[in-house]
Amino acid sequence: MTWGAAEFPAQHVQRLRSLSRARKSWSLGFVSNVEAGPDGRRAGALAWAGLGNCYYWIDREAGAAGILCAQLLPFGDPGALAVLSSFERAVYAGGAA
C-alpha cells in the first residue's frame, strides 16, 4: 500500500486523534503531556511516535520509560495502539513511582 503526500493525513486523521487522549504540547524534540494520560503517563512526560508504529516515552517524574517497535503499517494501527496502551499500564503497575 502506498500513499501520496496529500492522502496520508486525511486517511489517518482518526488514528492520529486516538493518540491524543491527553492534552499535549510540543518541545524541541518531543511531544509533551500537558496533563496525565489514561494509562499512567504523568503530566510533563515526553514521547514520540514513528511511521511504522514505533513509540517511546520518558516519564522522568515517575522514573519510567518505554519503547515499543512494531514495524507495522499503517501508522496508528488499532492493534498496535492496544498493545501500547497495555504495555504502558503494565509499566506503571509494575512499580513506577
N, C-alpha and C. Protein backbone atom coordinates (compact mmCIF):
# COMPACT_ATOMS: atom_id res chain seq x y z
N MET A 1 0.85 -1.17 0.00
CA MET A 1 0.00 0.00 0.00
C MET A 1 0.89 1.23 0.00
N THR A 2 0.58 2.18 -0.86
CA THR A 2 1.34 3.44 -0.89
C THR A 2 0.37 4.61 -0.78
N TRP A 3 0.87 5.70 -0.24
CA TRP A 3 0.05 6.90 -0.09
C TRP A 3 0.77 8.06 -0.72
N GLY A 4 0.02 8.94 -1.34
CA GLY A 4 0.57 10.21 -1.77
C GLY A 4 0.63 11.14 -0.57
N ALA A 5 1.45 12.16 -0.64
CA ALA A 5 1.62 13.08 0.49
C ALA A 5 0.30 13.70 0.92
N ALA A 6 -0.58 14.02 0.00
CA ALA A 6 -1.84 14.65 0.36
C ALA A 6 -2.85 13.65 0.92
N GLU A 7 -2.74 12.37 0.60
CA GLU A 7 -3.70 11.37 1.04
C GLU A 7 -3.46 10.91 2.47
N PHE A 8 -2.23 10.83 2.90
CA PHE A 8 -1.91 10.25 4.21
C PHE A 8 -2.63 10.95 5.36
N PRO A 9 -2.55 12.27 5.47
CA PRO A 9 -3.21 12.89 6.63
C PRO A 9 -4.71 12.65 6.66
N ALA A 10 -5.40 12.75 5.53
CA ALA A 10 -6.84 12.58 5.52
C ALA A 10 -7.22 11.14 5.87
N GLN A 11 -6.45 10.18 5.40
CA GLN A 11 -6.76 8.77 5.64
C GLN A 11 -6.61 8.38 7.11
N HIS A 12 -5.72 9.02 7.82
CA HIS A 12 -5.37 8.55 9.16
C HIS A 12 -5.68 9.55 10.27
N VAL A 13 -6.53 10.52 9.98
CA VAL A 13 -6.81 11.54 10.98
C VAL A 13 -7.41 10.94 12.25
N GLN A 14 -8.32 9.98 12.15
CA GLN A 14 -8.92 9.36 13.34
C GLN A 14 -7.87 8.61 14.16
N ARG A 15 -6.97 7.91 13.50
CA ARG A 15 -5.93 7.19 14.23
C ARG A 15 -5.01 8.16 14.95
N LEU A 16 -4.67 9.25 14.30
CA LEU A 16 -3.81 10.24 14.95
C LEU A 16 -4.51 10.85 16.16
N ARG A 17 -5.80 11.09 16.04
CA ARG A 17 -6.54 11.64 17.18
C ARG A 17 -6.57 10.66 18.35
N SER A 18 -6.59 9.37 18.06
CA SER A 18 -6.63 8.38 19.14
C SER A 18 -5.34 8.40 19.97
N LEU A 19 -4.25 8.90 19.40
CA LEU A 19 -3.01 9.02 20.17
C LEU A 19 -3.06 10.20 21.13
N SER A 20 -4.03 11.07 20.98
CA SER A 20 -4.08 12.31 21.73
C SER A 20 -5.17 12.29 22.78
N ARG A 21 -5.23 11.24 23.56
CA ARG A 21 -6.27 11.14 24.58
C ARG A 21 -6.02 12.09 25.73
N ALA A 22 -4.80 12.56 25.92
CA ALA A 22 -4.49 13.57 26.92
C ALA A 22 -3.98 14.81 26.17
N ARG A 23 -4.22 15.97 26.74
CA ARG A 23 -3.73 17.20 26.10
C ARG A 23 -2.22 17.15 26.00
N LYS A 24 -1.71 17.62 24.87
CA LYS A 24 -0.27 17.59 24.62
C LYS A 24 0.21 18.93 24.12
N SER A 25 1.51 19.12 24.21
CA SER A 25 2.18 20.31 23.70
C SER A 25 3.46 19.83 23.03
N TRP A 26 4.25 20.74 22.51
CA TRP A 26 5.48 20.38 21.82
C TRP A 26 6.69 20.98 22.52
N SER A 27 7.76 20.23 22.53
CA SER A 27 9.05 20.74 23.00
C SER A 27 9.98 20.69 21.80
N LEU A 28 11.24 20.94 22.00
CA LEU A 28 12.18 20.97 20.89
C LEU A 28 12.26 19.63 20.17
N GLY A 29 12.20 18.53 20.89
CA GLY A 29 12.36 17.23 20.24
C GLY A 29 11.30 16.20 20.56
N PHE A 30 10.27 16.57 21.31
CA PHE A 30 9.29 15.60 21.77
C PHE A 30 7.88 16.19 21.77
N VAL A 31 6.91 15.32 21.94
CA VAL A 31 5.56 15.72 22.33
C VAL A 31 5.57 15.65 23.85
N SER A 32 5.00 16.64 24.51
CA SER A 32 4.99 16.70 25.97
C SER A 32 3.56 16.63 26.47
N ASN A 33 3.30 15.72 27.43
CA ASN A 33 1.96 15.63 28.02
C ASN A 33 1.72 16.86 28.89
N VAL A 34 0.66 17.60 28.61
CA VAL A 34 0.26 18.73 29.43
C VAL A 34 -0.50 18.23 30.66
N GLU A 35 -1.18 17.12 30.49
CA GLU A 35 -1.93 16.51 31.59
C GLU A 35 -1.63 15.01 31.61
N ALA A 36 -1.97 14.38 32.71
CA ALA A 36 -1.73 12.94 32.84
C ALA A 36 -2.55 12.16 31.81
N GLY A 37 -1.97 11.08 31.31
CA GLY A 37 -2.66 10.22 30.36
C GLY A 37 -3.44 9.13 31.05
N PRO A 38 -4.34 8.47 30.34
CA PRO A 38 -5.21 7.47 30.96
C PRO A 38 -4.52 6.16 31.33
N ASP A 39 -3.30 5.93 30.82
CA ASP A 39 -2.62 4.66 31.08
C ASP A 39 -1.46 4.78 32.06
N GLY A 40 -1.31 5.96 32.71
CA GLY A 40 -0.30 6.12 33.74
C GLY A 40 0.70 7.23 33.49
N ARG A 41 0.88 7.63 32.26
CA ARG A 41 1.86 8.67 31.93
C ARG A 41 1.48 9.97 32.63
N ARG A 42 2.46 10.61 33.26
CA ARG A 42 2.19 11.82 34.03
C ARG A 42 2.36 13.07 33.18
N ALA A 43 1.78 14.16 33.67
CA ALA A 43 1.98 15.45 33.02
C ALA A 43 3.48 15.73 33.00
N GLY A 44 3.98 16.24 31.90
CA GLY A 44 5.40 16.52 31.76
C GLY A 44 6.18 15.40 31.09
N ALA A 45 5.56 14.22 30.90
CA ALA A 45 6.24 13.12 30.23
C ALA A 45 6.47 13.49 28.76
N LEU A 46 7.55 12.97 28.21
CA LEU A 46 7.93 13.25 26.83
C LEU A 46 7.74 11.99 26.00
N ALA A 47 7.37 12.15 24.73
CA ALA A 47 7.11 10.98 23.88
C ALA A 47 7.33 11.31 22.41
N TRP A 48 7.35 10.27 21.61
CA TRP A 48 7.39 10.40 20.17
C TRP A 48 6.87 9.11 19.54
N ALA A 49 6.48 9.21 18.28
CA ALA A 49 5.99 8.04 17.54
C ALA A 49 6.55 8.08 16.13
N GLY A 50 6.75 6.90 15.56
CA GLY A 50 7.26 6.80 14.20
C GLY A 50 6.26 6.12 13.29
N LEU A 51 6.44 6.29 12.00
CA LEU A 51 5.51 5.83 10.98
C LEU A 51 5.19 4.34 11.11
N GLY A 52 6.16 3.50 11.42
CA GLY A 52 5.95 2.05 11.49
C GLY A 52 5.41 1.58 12.82
N ASN A 53 4.65 2.44 13.54
CA ASN A 53 4.11 2.12 14.86
C ASN A 53 5.22 1.84 15.87
N CYS A 54 6.22 2.69 15.86
CA CYS A 54 7.27 2.69 16.88
C CYS A 54 6.95 3.83 17.84
N TYR A 55 6.92 3.54 19.12
CA TYR A 55 6.55 4.53 20.12
C TYR A 55 7.55 4.49 21.27
N TYR A 56 7.82 5.65 21.85
CA TYR A 56 8.58 5.66 23.10
C TYR A 56 8.13 6.83 23.95
N TRP A 57 8.34 6.68 25.25
CA TRP A 57 8.05 7.77 26.17
C TRP A 57 9.05 7.74 27.31
N ILE A 58 9.22 8.92 27.90
CA ILE A 58 10.12 9.12 29.04
C ILE A 58 9.33 9.90 30.08
N ASP A 59 9.16 9.32 31.24
CA ASP A 59 8.43 9.98 32.33
C ASP A 59 9.41 10.14 33.49
N ARG A 60 10.10 11.26 33.49
CA ARG A 60 11.17 11.47 34.50
C ARG A 60 10.61 11.51 35.91
N GLU A 61 9.45 12.10 36.09
CA GLU A 61 8.87 12.21 37.43
C GLU A 61 8.57 10.84 38.02
N ALA A 62 8.09 9.93 37.19
CA ALA A 62 7.75 8.58 37.67
C ALA A 62 8.93 7.62 37.62
N GLY A 63 10.03 8.02 36.98
CA GLY A 63 11.15 7.11 36.82
C GLY A 63 10.83 5.97 35.87
N ALA A 64 10.02 6.26 34.85
CA ALA A 64 9.59 5.23 33.92
C ALA A 64 9.87 5.65 32.48
N ALA A 65 10.08 4.67 31.64
CA ALA A 65 10.23 4.90 30.20
C ALA A 65 9.85 3.62 29.49
N GLY A 66 9.50 3.75 28.24
CA GLY A 66 9.17 2.56 27.47
C GLY A 66 9.38 2.79 25.99
N ILE A 67 9.62 1.70 25.28
CA ILE A 67 9.75 1.75 23.84
C ILE A 67 9.06 0.51 23.27
N LEU A 68 8.27 0.74 22.23
CA LEU A 68 7.57 -0.33 21.53
C LEU A 68 7.85 -0.14 20.04
N CYS A 69 8.48 -1.11 19.43
CA CYS A 69 8.79 -1.04 17.99
C CYS A 69 8.06 -2.18 17.29
N ALA A 70 7.11 -1.81 16.43
CA ALA A 70 6.30 -2.83 15.78
C ALA A 70 6.64 -3.01 14.30
N GLN A 71 7.09 -1.97 13.61
CA GLN A 71 7.34 -2.04 12.16
C GLN A 71 6.14 -2.57 11.42
N LEU A 72 5.00 -1.91 11.64
CA LEU A 72 3.72 -2.33 11.10
C LEU A 72 3.01 -1.12 10.52
N LEU A 73 2.51 -1.24 9.32
CA LEU A 73 1.73 -0.17 8.69
C LEU A 73 0.28 -0.60 8.62
N PRO A 74 -0.66 0.34 8.68
CA PRO A 74 -0.49 1.79 8.66
C PRO A 74 -0.20 2.33 10.06
N PHE A 75 0.31 3.55 10.09
CA PHE A 75 0.56 4.24 11.35
C PHE A 75 -0.74 4.33 12.14
N GLY A 76 -0.65 4.14 13.44
CA GLY A 76 -1.82 4.20 14.30
C GLY A 76 -2.70 2.98 14.21
N ASP A 77 -2.12 1.85 13.79
CA ASP A 77 -2.87 0.59 13.70
C ASP A 77 -3.56 0.32 15.04
N PRO A 78 -4.86 0.03 15.04
CA PRO A 78 -5.57 -0.18 16.30
C PRO A 78 -4.96 -1.28 17.17
N GLY A 79 -4.48 -2.35 16.58
CA GLY A 79 -3.83 -3.40 17.36
C GLY A 79 -2.56 -2.93 18.03
N ALA A 80 -1.75 -2.17 17.29
CA ALA A 80 -0.52 -1.62 17.85
C ALA A 80 -0.82 -0.64 18.98
N LEU A 81 -1.86 0.18 18.81
CA LEU A 81 -2.24 1.12 19.87
C LEU A 81 -2.75 0.40 21.11
N ALA A 82 -3.45 -0.71 20.92
CA ALA A 82 -3.92 -1.51 22.06
C ALA A 82 -2.74 -2.11 22.82
N VAL A 83 -1.74 -2.60 22.08
CA VAL A 83 -0.54 -3.15 22.73
C VAL A 83 0.20 -2.04 23.48
N LEU A 84 0.33 -0.87 22.87
CA LEU A 84 0.99 0.26 23.53
C LEU A 84 0.28 0.63 24.82
N SER A 85 -1.03 0.70 24.79
CA SER A 85 -1.81 1.04 25.98
C SER A 85 -1.61 -0.01 27.08
N SER A 86 -1.68 -1.29 26.73
CA SER A 86 -1.47 -2.36 27.71
C SER A 86 -0.05 -2.33 28.27
N PHE A 87 0.91 -2.10 27.41
CA PHE A 87 2.31 -2.03 27.82
C PHE A 87 2.53 -0.89 28.81
N GLU A 88 1.98 0.27 28.48
CA GLU A 88 2.14 1.42 29.37
C GLU A 88 1.50 1.17 30.73
N ARG A 89 0.30 0.60 30.75
CA ARG A 89 -0.35 0.28 32.03
C ARG A 89 0.49 -0.71 32.83
N ALA A 90 1.09 -1.70 32.16
CA ALA A 90 1.92 -2.69 32.86
C ALA A 90 3.17 -2.05 33.45
N VAL A 91 3.78 -1.12 32.72
CA VAL A 91 4.98 -0.44 33.25
C VAL A 91 4.63 0.30 34.53
N TYR A 92 3.53 1.04 34.52
CA TYR A 92 3.17 1.82 35.71
C TYR A 92 2.65 0.94 36.83
N ALA A 93 2.02 -0.17 36.52
CA ALA A 93 1.55 -1.09 37.55
C ALA A 93 2.71 -1.83 38.19
N GLY A 94 3.82 -1.94 37.47
CA GLY A 94 4.97 -2.69 37.94
C GLY A 94 5.88 -1.92 38.89
N GLY A 95 5.49 -0.76 39.31
CA GLY A 95 6.27 -0.08 40.33
C GLY A 95 6.87 1.24 39.95
N ALA A 96 6.50 1.82 38.82
CA ALA A 96 6.99 3.18 38.53
C ALA A 96 6.45 4.08 39.62
N ALA A 97 7.30 4.87 40.20
CA ALA A 97 6.94 5.69 41.36
C ALA A 97 5.76 6.59 41.13
